[in-house]
Amino acid sequence: MEQQTVSDAGNRTSGRALRIPTAMRRTVLSVAAATAAVFTASAQSDTLLCRTRSGFAGITRESHRTTLVRTTCTAVPLIAAGAALRTCDVEFNGMCRAWAPSFSNRTDDWLQYAPAALMVGMKTCVYQSRSSWGRMLVSDAISAAIMAAAVNACKYSVRTMRPDGSARNSFPSGHTATAFMTATMLRREYGCRSPWFGVGGYAAATTVAVMRQLNNRHWMSDVMVGAGIGILATELGYMFADMILRDRGLLRDEETWSFDRFRRPLFFGVELALACIPGHYDVGGRRISFAQGASAALQGAWFFSPYAGIGGRFAVSRAGVRLDGSESGHTLESLSASGGLCLSYPLSRRIAAGSRIAAGWEHRLACRIDPGTTIGRSGAVIGAGLSLSCVAADNFGFRLGLDYDFAPAVVSGGQHLHRLTLGLGMSAMF
């Protein structure tokens, strides 16, 4: 089985190496198209989502339209970006193996159900939610049926090998789909009481997605598409239940979304990105260049006004090393932490342009490229970036970012690296 895993990963790596230019263009265009769909739907829905609702019948009629907007703004970009990032699966998996090679934890097996357990527990304790018991169970049953049908249809038709070589049912991740489904159920039922229920639910779901990769059970594209399916299934399940039941069993008015254009754009989230280190570098008589890589980051910012604040970023990146123009089989693994000034300018109620400048430290794993040369020097890093952010739903949004890092040289006295990253992030926004 281990030989099968190595062969499968090797085939994917080899194919990727031959298709780098086309794959990168396709990935960038797919992510850009998905992001454009988010921004377009968001701009068109400002008035709809900010409208004050009155009367249960009015809520039911309005929520059908709102659900379509909410689905477009959240689930569709995740599915599109996940499908596009299949070309980078090997790089993201390699980052997990490089930094956590022996990770093994089964917490994700039960954490996927934690948001649903909290929802049922609060309902049992008579903490009123959006729906009665009957309406909630109908909505959740429809959601679970849609999710299970979509996940299993993909698993047994696409038949992607898992990273550990155990089975050909990797795509998409059922654990992640379940986790994001239950998190969306929690937000739909108790988001009217506090936005922190949604934030907590999605934080647990994101933890499940990360652990599925650290446990070497799924590729990055598996968890991205799984997350989108989980959200999509729940939104559709609640929409169908609203169409069937109308105002029966509807106990509370849904949250009224009011997007203040000049709010302080606080956020915390994750970002997945394509990484590129252009040019070549002379090291020990060898000419080194880097293949297309990948990056994953945790980032957040606190704004003391609508326009300025401070933020931080913790990122892991990976890039293949080429020696004298040929693939070497080695990789440059980097881990960085930085912080600095963040700026934002609101373009509309839900869309804002931003920029940042930051400084920090980058740590690298040592890599011996030949008997006399080792690369992987750590050092200070300076970064700057531009972003476009969109509040897609209540306290949930997307960020499209382009970043530049002036990174330390790979060897002492060498040339500094210039790294560009283009990424799409999911954030909790306040």
Protein backbone atom coordinates (compact mmCIF):
# COMPACT_ATOMS: atom_id res chain seq x y z
CA MET A 1 0.00 0.00 0.00
CA GLU A 2 2.87 2.34 0.76
CA GLN A 3 4.32 1.77 -2.71
CA GLN A 4 0.95 2.57 -4.22
CA THR A 5 0.83 5.87 -2.31
CA VAL A 6 4.28 6.93 -3.47
CA SER A 7 3.44 6.03 -7.07
CA ASP A 8 0.16 7.95 -7.00
CA ALA A 9 1.76 11.04 -5.49
CA GLY A 10 4.66 10.77 -7.93
CA ASN A 11 2.31 10.64 -10.92
CA ARG A 12 0.46 13.72 -9.68
CA THR A 13 3.75 15.58 -9.12
CA SER A 14 5.08 14.65 -12.54
CA GLY A 15 1.90 15.78 -14.27
CA ARG A 16 1.92 19.01 -12.36
CA ALA A 17 5.50 19.72 -13.39
CA LEU A 18 4.59 19.41 -17.08
CA ARG A 19 1.50 21.61 -16.77
CA ILE A 20 2.67 24.39 -14.48
CA PRO A 21 1.99 27.39 -16.76
CA THR A 22 -1.46 26.18 -17.88
CA ALA A 23 -2.43 24.99 -14.38
CA MET A 24 -1.46 28.27 -12.80
CA ARG A 25 -3.44 30.29 -15.35
CA ARG A 26 -6.47 28.04 -14.92
CA THR A 27 -6.29 28.26 -11.13
CA VAL A 28 -5.94 32.04 -11.09
CA LEU A 29 -8.80 32.50 -13.57
CA SER A 30 -11.08 30.11 -11.66
CA VAL A 31 -10.44 31.80 -8.32
CA ALA A 32 -10.89 35.24 -9.90
CA ALA A 33 -14.18 34.17 -11.52
CA ALA A 34 -15.48 32.75 -8.24
CA THR A 35 -14.51 35.92 -6.40
CA ALA A 36 -16.12 38.10 -9.07
CA ALA A 37 -19.35 36.12 -8.60
CA VAL A 38 -19.21 36.83 -4.87
CA PHE A 39 -18.65 40.55 -5.34
CA THR A 40 -21.33 40.85 -8.04
CA ALA A 41 -23.94 39.02 -5.98
CA SER A 42 -22.99 41.05 -2.92
CA ALA A 43 -23.29 44.37 -4.70
CA GLN A 44 -26.70 43.43 -6.09
CA SER A 45 -28.00 42.21 -2.72
CA ASP A 46 -27.14 45.15 -0.45
CA THR A 47 -30.68 46.53 -0.50
CA LEU A 48 -32.33 43.13 -0.14
CA LEU A 49 -30.27 42.06 2.87
CA CYS A 50 -30.52 45.38 4.68
CA ARG A 51 -34.30 45.61 4.35
CA THR A 52 -36.16 45.38 7.65
CA ARG A 53 -38.57 42.48 7.74
CA SER A 54 -41.90 42.35 9.52
CA GLY A 55 -44.35 39.48 9.90
CA PHE A 56 -43.65 35.77 9.65
CA ALA A 57 -45.18 35.44 6.17
CA GLY A 58 -42.95 38.24 4.96
CA ILE A 59 -39.93 36.48 6.41
CA THR A 60 -40.75 33.28 4.56
CA ARG A 61 -41.16 34.96 1.16
CA GLU A 62 -38.02 37.08 1.60
CA SER A 63 -35.83 34.27 2.88
CA HIS A 64 -36.14 32.32 -0.40
CA ARG A 65 -34.42 35.14 -2.28
CA THR A 66 -31.96 35.71 0.55
CA THR A 67 -30.97 32.03 0.56
CA LEU A 68 -30.04 32.16 -3.12
CA VAL A 69 -27.82 35.18 -2.49
CA ARG A 70 -26.31 33.59 0.60
CA THR A 71 -25.59 30.37 -1.29
CA THR A 72 -23.94 32.23 -4.17
CA CYS A 73 -21.80 34.29 -1.81
CA THR A 74 -20.54 31.45 0.38
CA ALA A 75 -20.78 27.93 -1.01
CA VAL A 76 -20.15 28.50 -4.72
CA PRO A 77 -16.73 30.22 -4.32
CA LEU A 78 -15.54 27.44 -1.99
CA ILE A 79 -16.50 24.72 -4.47
CA ALA A 80 -15.02 26.60 -7.44
CA ALA A 81 -11.78 27.43 -5.63
CA GLY A 82 -11.46 23.86 -4.34
CA ALA A 83 -11.86 22.42 -7.83
CA ALA A 84 -9.28 24.89 -9.18
CA LEU A 85 -6.77 24.13 -6.42
CA ARG A 86 -6.61 20.43 -7.33
CA THR A 87 -3.45 21.30 -9.29
CA CYS A 88 -1.82 22.37 -5.99
CA ASP A 89 -2.87 19.37 -3.87
CA VAL A 90 0.62 17.88 -3.76
CA GLU A 91 2.14 21.15 -2.52
CA PHE A 92 -0.40 21.61 0.28
CA ASN A 93 -0.06 17.99 1.33
CA GLY A 94 3.72 18.37 1.29
CA MET A 95 3.49 21.30 3.71
CA CYS A 96 1.57 19.13 6.17
CA ARG A 97 4.09 16.31 5.86
CA ALA A 98 7.05 18.70 6.24
CA TRP A 99 5.86 20.45 9.41
CA ALA A 100 3.81 17.69 11.06
CA PRO A 101 5.11 14.38 9.64
CA SER A 102 3.92 12.18 12.51
CA PHE A 103 0.62 13.93 13.31
CA SER A 104 -2.15 11.50 14.24
CA ASN A 105 -5.29 12.56 16.10
CA ARG A 106 -8.87 11.26 15.90
CA THR A 107 -10.55 14.34 17.41
CA ASP A 108 -11.98 15.23 13.99
CA ASP A 109 -14.14 12.09 14.09
CA TRP A 110 -16.38 13.59 16.79
CA LEU A 111 -15.66 17.32 16.38
CA GLN A 112 -17.61 17.30 13.10
CA TYR A 113 -20.79 16.78 15.12
CA ALA A 114 -20.02 19.34 17.86
CA PRO A 115 -22.06 22.25 16.37
CA ALA A 116 -25.12 19.99 16.00
CA ALA A 117 -24.69 18.70 19.56
CA LEU A 118 -24.56 22.27 20.86
CA MET A 119 -27.66 23.18 18.85
CA VAL A 120 -29.67 20.23 20.15
CA GLY A 121 -28.39 20.78 23.69
CA MET A 122 -29.50 24.41 23.76
CA LYS A 123 -32.84 23.45 22.22
CA THR A 124 -33.30 20.78 24.91
CA CYS A 125 -32.57 23.41 27.57
CA VAL A 126 -35.43 25.51 26.10
CA TYR A 127 -33.13 28.20 24.72
CA GLN A 128 -35.37 29.40 21.91
CA SER A 129 -34.02 29.19 18.37
CA ARG A 130 -35.39 30.24 15.00
CA SER A 131 -37.54 27.11 14.57
CA SER A 132 -39.71 24.74 16.56
CA TRP A 133 -38.47 21.19 17.10
CA GLY A 134 -40.51 19.90 14.16
CA ARG A 135 -39.45 22.62 11.72
CA MET A 136 -35.79 22.32 12.77
CA LEU A 137 -35.77 18.53 12.32
CA VAL A 138 -37.40 18.80 8.88
CA SER A 139 -34.88 21.46 7.77
CA ASP A 140 -31.92 19.48 9.10
CA ALA A 141 -33.12 16.17 7.64
CA ILE A 142 -33.44 17.70 4.16
CA SER A 143 -30.00 19.29 4.55
CA ALA A 144 -28.38 16.01 5.62
CA ALA A 145 -30.01 14.14 2.72
CA ILE A 146 -28.72 16.65 0.16
CA MET A 147 -25.23 16.62 1.68
CA ALA A 148 -25.01 12.81 1.82
CA ALA A 149 -26.25 12.43 -1.76
CA ALA A 150 -23.79 15.02 -3.12
CA VAL A 151 -20.78 13.71 -1.19
CA ASN A 152 -21.31 10.05 -2.01
CA ALA A 153 -22.11 10.76 -5.66
CA CYS A 154 -18.76 12.53 -5.99
CA LYS A 155 -16.79 10.02 -3.93
CA TYR A 156 -17.81 7.02 -5.99
CA SER A 157 -17.72 8.69 -9.40
CA VAL A 158 -14.52 10.77 -9.16
CA ARG A 159 -12.68 8.05 -7.16
CA THR A 160 -9.64 10.07 -6.11
CA MET A 161 -6.96 8.19 -4.14
CA ARG A 162 -6.49 9.37 -0.57
CA PRO A 163 -3.06 10.83 0.27
CA ASP A 164 -2.29 7.83 2.49
CA GLY A 165 -3.23 5.40 -0.30
CA SER A 166 -5.94 3.70 1.76
CA ALA A 167 -8.91 4.05 -0.64
CA ARG A 168 -10.15 5.77 -3.80
CA ASN A 169 -12.88 7.84 -2.14
CA SER A 170 -11.00 10.96 -1.12
CA PHE A 171 -12.92 13.64 -3.05
CA PRO A 172 -14.72 15.36 -1.39
CA SER A 173 -14.20 15.16 2.37
CA GLY A 174 -17.27 13.76 4.12
CA HIS A 175 -16.03 14.84 7.56
CA THR A 176 -15.57 18.42 6.37
CA ALA A 177 -18.94 18.48 4.61
CA THR A 178 -20.63 17.23 7.79
CA ALA A 179 -18.77 19.77 9.95
CA PHE A 180 -19.72 22.75 7.77
CA MET A 181 -23.28 21.45 7.47
CA THR A 182 -23.72 21.30 11.25
CA ALA A 183 -22.00 24.69 11.67
CA THR A 184 -24.43 26.25 9.19
CA MET A 185 -27.36 24.61 10.98
CA LEU A 186 -26.16 26.17 14.24
CA ARG A 187 -25.84 29.58 12.59
CA ARG A 188 -29.27 29.37 10.96
CA GLU A 189 -30.96 28.40 14.23
CA TYR A 190 -29.07 30.57 16.72
CA GLY A 191 -27.46 33.29 14.60
CA CYS A 192 -30.50 35.40 15.47
CA ARG A 193 -29.42 35.25 19.12
CA SER A 194 -25.71 36.00 18.66
CA PRO A 195 -23.29 35.99 15.70
CA TRP A 196 -20.76 34.18 17.90
CA PHE A 197 -22.68 30.93 17.48
CA GLY A 198 -21.86 31.03 13.77
CA VAL A 199 -18.25 32.05 14.40
CA GLY A 200 -17.75 29.21 16.88
CA GLY A 201 -19.41 26.66 14.62
CA TYR A 202 -17.29 27.57 11.61
CA ALA A 203 -14.15 27.64 13.75
CA ALA A 204 -14.85 24.02 14.78
CA ALA A 205 -15.58 23.08 11.16
CA THR A 206 -12.35 24.68 9.94
CA THR A 207 -10.44 22.76 12.61
CA VAL A 208 -11.92 19.53 11.24
CA ALA A 209 -10.82 20.47 7.71
CA VAL A 210 -7.27 21.18 8.86
CA MET A 211 -7.04 17.95 10.86
CA ARG A 212 -8.23 15.86 7.90
CA GLN A 213 -5.16 17.08 6.01
CA LEU A 214 -2.76 16.77 8.94
CA ASN A 215 -3.96 13.19 9.42
CA ASN A 216 -3.05 12.60 5.74
CA ARG A 217 -6.61 11.55 4.94
CA HIS A 218 -7.51 14.27 2.43
CA TRP A 219 -6.13 16.67 -0.14
CA MET A 220 -6.74 20.42 0.08
CA SER A 221 -9.28 20.35 -2.75
CA ASP A 222 -11.23 17.63 -0.90
CA VAL A 223 -11.84 19.79 2.16
CA MET A 224 -12.53 22.97 0.17
CA VAL A 225 -15.24 21.33 -1.92
CA GLY A 226 -16.53 19.46 1.14
CA ALA A 227 -16.95 22.75 3.01
CA GLY A 228 -18.85 24.24 0.08
CA ILE A 229 -21.13 21.22 -0.20
CA GLY A 230 -21.89 21.34 3.55
CA ILE A 231 -22.90 25.00 3.42
CA LEU A 232 -24.80 24.61 0.15
CA ALA A 233 -26.77 21.59 1.38
CA THR A 234 -27.87 23.36 4.58
CA GLU A 235 -28.92 26.57 2.85
CA LEU A 236 -30.94 24.58 0.31
CA GLY A 237 -32.41 22.38 3.05
CA TYR A 238 -33.66 25.39 4.98
CA MET A 239 -34.98 27.01 1.81
CA PHE A 240 -36.97 23.90 0.87
CA ALA A 241 -38.31 23.60 4.43
CA ASP A 242 -39.40 27.26 4.32
CA MET A 243 -41.19 26.63 1.03
CA ILE A 244 -42.98 23.58 2.44
CA LEU A 245 -43.82 24.80 5.95
CA ARG A 246 -44.14 28.53 5.25
CA ASP A 247 -44.68 30.21 8.65
CA ARG A 248 -45.54 27.08 10.67
CA GLY A 249 -43.12 26.53 13.55
CA LEU A 250 -41.20 29.75 12.90
CA LEU A 251 -40.53 31.10 16.39
CA ARG A 252 -38.16 34.01 15.91
CA ASP A 253 -37.49 36.67 13.31
CA GLU A 254 -34.32 35.87 11.37
CA GLU A 255 -31.34 38.13 11.81
CA THR A 256 -31.64 41.51 10.12
CA TRP A 257 -28.40 42.21 8.31
CA SER A 258 -27.42 45.85 8.46
CA PHE A 259 -24.14 46.57 6.73
CA ASP A 260 -22.65 49.84 7.85
CA ARG A 261 -20.35 51.13 5.13
CA PHE A 262 -18.13 52.88 7.67
CA ARG A 263 -17.91 50.11 10.25
CA ARG A 264 -14.52 49.11 11.61
CA PRO A 265 -13.60 46.11 9.39
CA LEU A 266 -12.35 43.68 12.05
CA PHE A 267 -11.62 40.18 10.75
CA PHE A 268 -9.88 36.87 11.45
CA GLY A 269 -9.57 34.03 9.00
CA VAL A 270 -7.59 31.64 6.83
CA GLU A 271 -6.13 32.14 3.36
CA LEU A 272 -4.99 29.69 0.69
CA ALA A 273 -2.69 31.04 -1.99
CA LEU A 274 -0.55 30.31 -5.02
CA ALA A 275 3.07 31.29 -4.41
CA CYS A 276 5.66 32.36 -6.95
CA ILE A 277 9.35 33.21 -6.46
CA PRO A 278 10.44 34.71 -9.81
CA GLY A 279 14.00 34.93 -11.10
CA HIS A 280 17.06 32.81 -10.39
CA TYR A 281 19.68 32.88 -7.66
CA ASP A 282 23.35 31.83 -7.73
CA VAL A 283 24.25 29.57 -4.78
CA GLY A 284 27.53 27.67 -4.48
CA GLY A 285 28.18 27.75 -8.21
CA ARG A 286 24.68 26.43 -8.97
CA ARG A 287 21.78 28.39 -10.44
CA ILE A 288 18.68 27.97 -8.31
CA SER A 289 15.11 28.84 -9.31
CA PHE A 290 11.75 27.89 -7.86
CA ALA A 291 8.63 26.21 -9.24
CA GLN A 292 5.10 27.37 -8.58
CA GLY A 293 4.33 26.79 -4.91
CA ALA A 294 1.54 27.12 -2.40
CA SER A 295 0.90 29.01 0.82
CA ALA A 296 -1.56 28.80 3.70
CA ALA A 297 -2.02 31.55 6.28
CA LEU A 298 -3.89 32.62 9.39
CA GLN A 299 -4.46 36.36 9.40
CA GLY A 300 -6.44 38.97 11.25
CA ALA A 301 -6.69 42.68 11.98
CA TRP A 302 -8.17 45.05 14.54
CA PHE A 303 -9.17 48.49 13.27
CA PHE A 304 -9.36 51.51 15.55
CA SER A 305 -11.18 53.47 12.79
CA PRO A 306 -12.92 52.58 9.52
CA TYR A 307 -9.67 53.24 7.69
CA ALA A 308 -6.68 52.13 9.78
CA GLY A 309 -5.70 49.38 12.17
CA ILE A 310 -3.07 46.81 13.09
CA GLY A 311 -2.91 43.21 11.97
CA GLY A 312 -0.90 40.01 11.96
CA ARG A 313 -0.23 37.09 9.66
CA PHE A 314 1.11 33.58 10.28
CA ALA A 315 1.94 31.76 7.05
CA VAL A 316 3.41 28.48 5.82
CA SER A 317 4.70 28.24 2.24
CA ARG A 318 6.35 25.65 0.01
CA ALA A 319 8.12 25.86 -3.35
CA GLY A 320 9.96 23.25 -5.42
CA VAL A 321 13.67 23.87 -6.05
CA ARG A 322 15.15 23.73 -9.55
CA LEU A 323 18.91 23.31 -10.05
CA ASP A 324 20.31 24.71 -13.29
CA GLY A 325 16.81 24.67 -14.78
CA SER A 326 15.97 21.06 -13.85
CA GLU A 327 13.68 19.71 -11.12
CA SER A 328 15.77 18.61 -8.14
CA GLY A 329 13.13 16.89 -6.00
CA HIS A 330 13.93 19.30 -3.14
CA THR A 331 11.59 21.91 -1.65
CA LEU A 332 11.99 25.18 0.23
CA GLU A 333 9.75 25.05 3.32
CA SER A 334 9.09 28.35 5.10
CA LEU A 335 7.14 29.44 8.16
CA SER A 336 6.70 33.14 8.91
CA ALA A 337 5.03 35.46 11.41
CA SER A 338 4.61 39.19 10.81
CA GLY A 339 2.59 42.18 11.94
CA GLY A 340 2.10 45.80 11.02
CA LEU A 341 -0.20 48.54 9.71
CA CYS A 342 -3.44 47.74 7.85
CA LEU A 343 -5.48 50.22 5.82
CA SER A 344 -9.02 49.90 4.46
CA TYR A 345 -11.32 51.98 2.29
CA PRO A 346 -15.03 51.06 1.94
CA LEU A 347 -16.19 50.88 -1.68
CA SER A 348 -19.76 49.94 -0.76
CA ARG A 349 -21.70 48.62 2.20
CA ARG A 350 -20.08 45.21 1.92
CA ILE A 351 -16.99 45.61 -0.26
CA ALA A 352 -13.75 47.26 0.83
CA ALA A 353 -10.29 47.71 -0.65
CA GLY A 354 -7.35 47.26 1.70
CA SER A 355 -3.58 47.32 1.96
CA ARG A 356 -0.96 46.36 4.52
CA ILE A 357 2.72 46.72 5.30
CA ALA A 358 4.32 44.41 7.85
CA ALA A 359 7.60 43.06 9.17
CA GLY A 360 8.45 39.84 10.95
CA TRP A 361 10.57 36.69 10.94
CA GLU A 362 10.74 33.75 8.56
CA HIS A 363 11.99 30.32 9.65
CA ARG A 364 13.02 27.71 7.09
CA LEU A 365 13.78 24.03 7.18
CA ALA A 366 17.34 23.20 6.07
CA CYS A 367 17.53 21.54 2.66
CA ARG A 368 20.73 19.91 1.34
CA ILE A 369 20.62 20.31 -2.44
CA ASP A 370 24.03 18.68 -3.00
CA PRO A 371 26.84 17.36 -0.76
CA GLY A 372 28.44 20.78 -0.38
CA THR A 373 25.41 23.12 -0.39
CA THR A 374 22.56 23.51 2.10
CA ILE A 375 19.83 26.12 1.67
CA GLY A 376 17.21 27.19 4.18
CA ARG A 377 18.57 30.25 5.99
CA SER A 378 16.08 32.01 8.31
CA GLY A 379 15.84 35.77 8.82
CA ALA A 380 13.75 38.94 8.84
CA VAL A 381 10.97 39.40 6.27
CA ILE A 382 9.21 42.56 5.09
CA GLY A 383 5.84 42.30 3.37
CA ALA A 384 3.20 44.43 1.68
CA GLY A 385 -0.14 43.57 0.15
CA LEU A 386 -3.37 44.65 -1.50
CA SER A 387 -6.76 43.08 -0.87
CA LEU A 388 -10.42 43.22 -1.80
CA SER A 389 -12.83 41.98 0.86
CA CYS A 390 -16.54 41.24 0.80
CA VAL A 391 -18.98 40.52 3.64
CA ALA A 392 -20.83 37.62 2.02
CA ALA A 393 -23.24 36.85 4.88
CA ASP A 394 -23.74 37.73 8.51
CA ASN A 395 -20.21 38.01 9.98
CA PHE A 396 -18.74 35.89 7.20
CA GLY A 397 -16.75 37.07 4.22
CA PHE A 398 -14.10 36.47 1.58
CA ARG A 399 -10.83 38.24 0.90
CA LEU A 400 -8.89 38.24 -2.37
CA GLY A 401 -5.28 39.21 -1.65
CA LEU A 402 -2.09 39.89 -3.57
CA ASP A 403 1.03 39.97 -1.36
CA TYR A 404 4.73 40.61 -1.84
CA ASP A 405 7.43 39.45 0.60
CA PHE A 406 11.05 40.59 0.65
CA ALA A 407 12.31 37.36 2.17
CA PRO A 408 15.75 36.38 3.50
CA ALA A 409 18.34 34.81 1.23
CA VAL A 410 18.55 31.02 1.19
CA VAL A 411 22.24 31.16 2.20
CA SER A 412 24.29 33.69 4.16
CA GLY A 413 25.45 36.55 1.94
CA GLY A 414 23.16 35.54 -0.91
CA GLN A 415 20.41 37.37 -2.76
CA HIS A 416 17.13 38.08 -0.99
CA LEU A 417 14.08 36.27 -2.35
CA HIS A 418 11.11 38.08 -3.86
CA ARG A 419 7.89 36.11 -3.24
CA LEU A 420 4.46 36.88 -4.68
CA THR A 421 1.27 35.20 -3.45
CA LEU A 422 -2.28 35.39 -4.82
CA GLY A 423 -4.82 34.00 -2.39
CA LEU A 424 -8.47 33.64 -1.50
CA GLY A 425 -9.35 33.76 2.19
CA MET A 426 -12.38 33.06 4.37
CA SER A 427 -12.85 35.32 7.36
CA ALA A 428 -15.07 35.98 10.33
CA MET A 429 -15.88 39.69 10.00
CA PHE A 430 -17.32 42.07 12.56
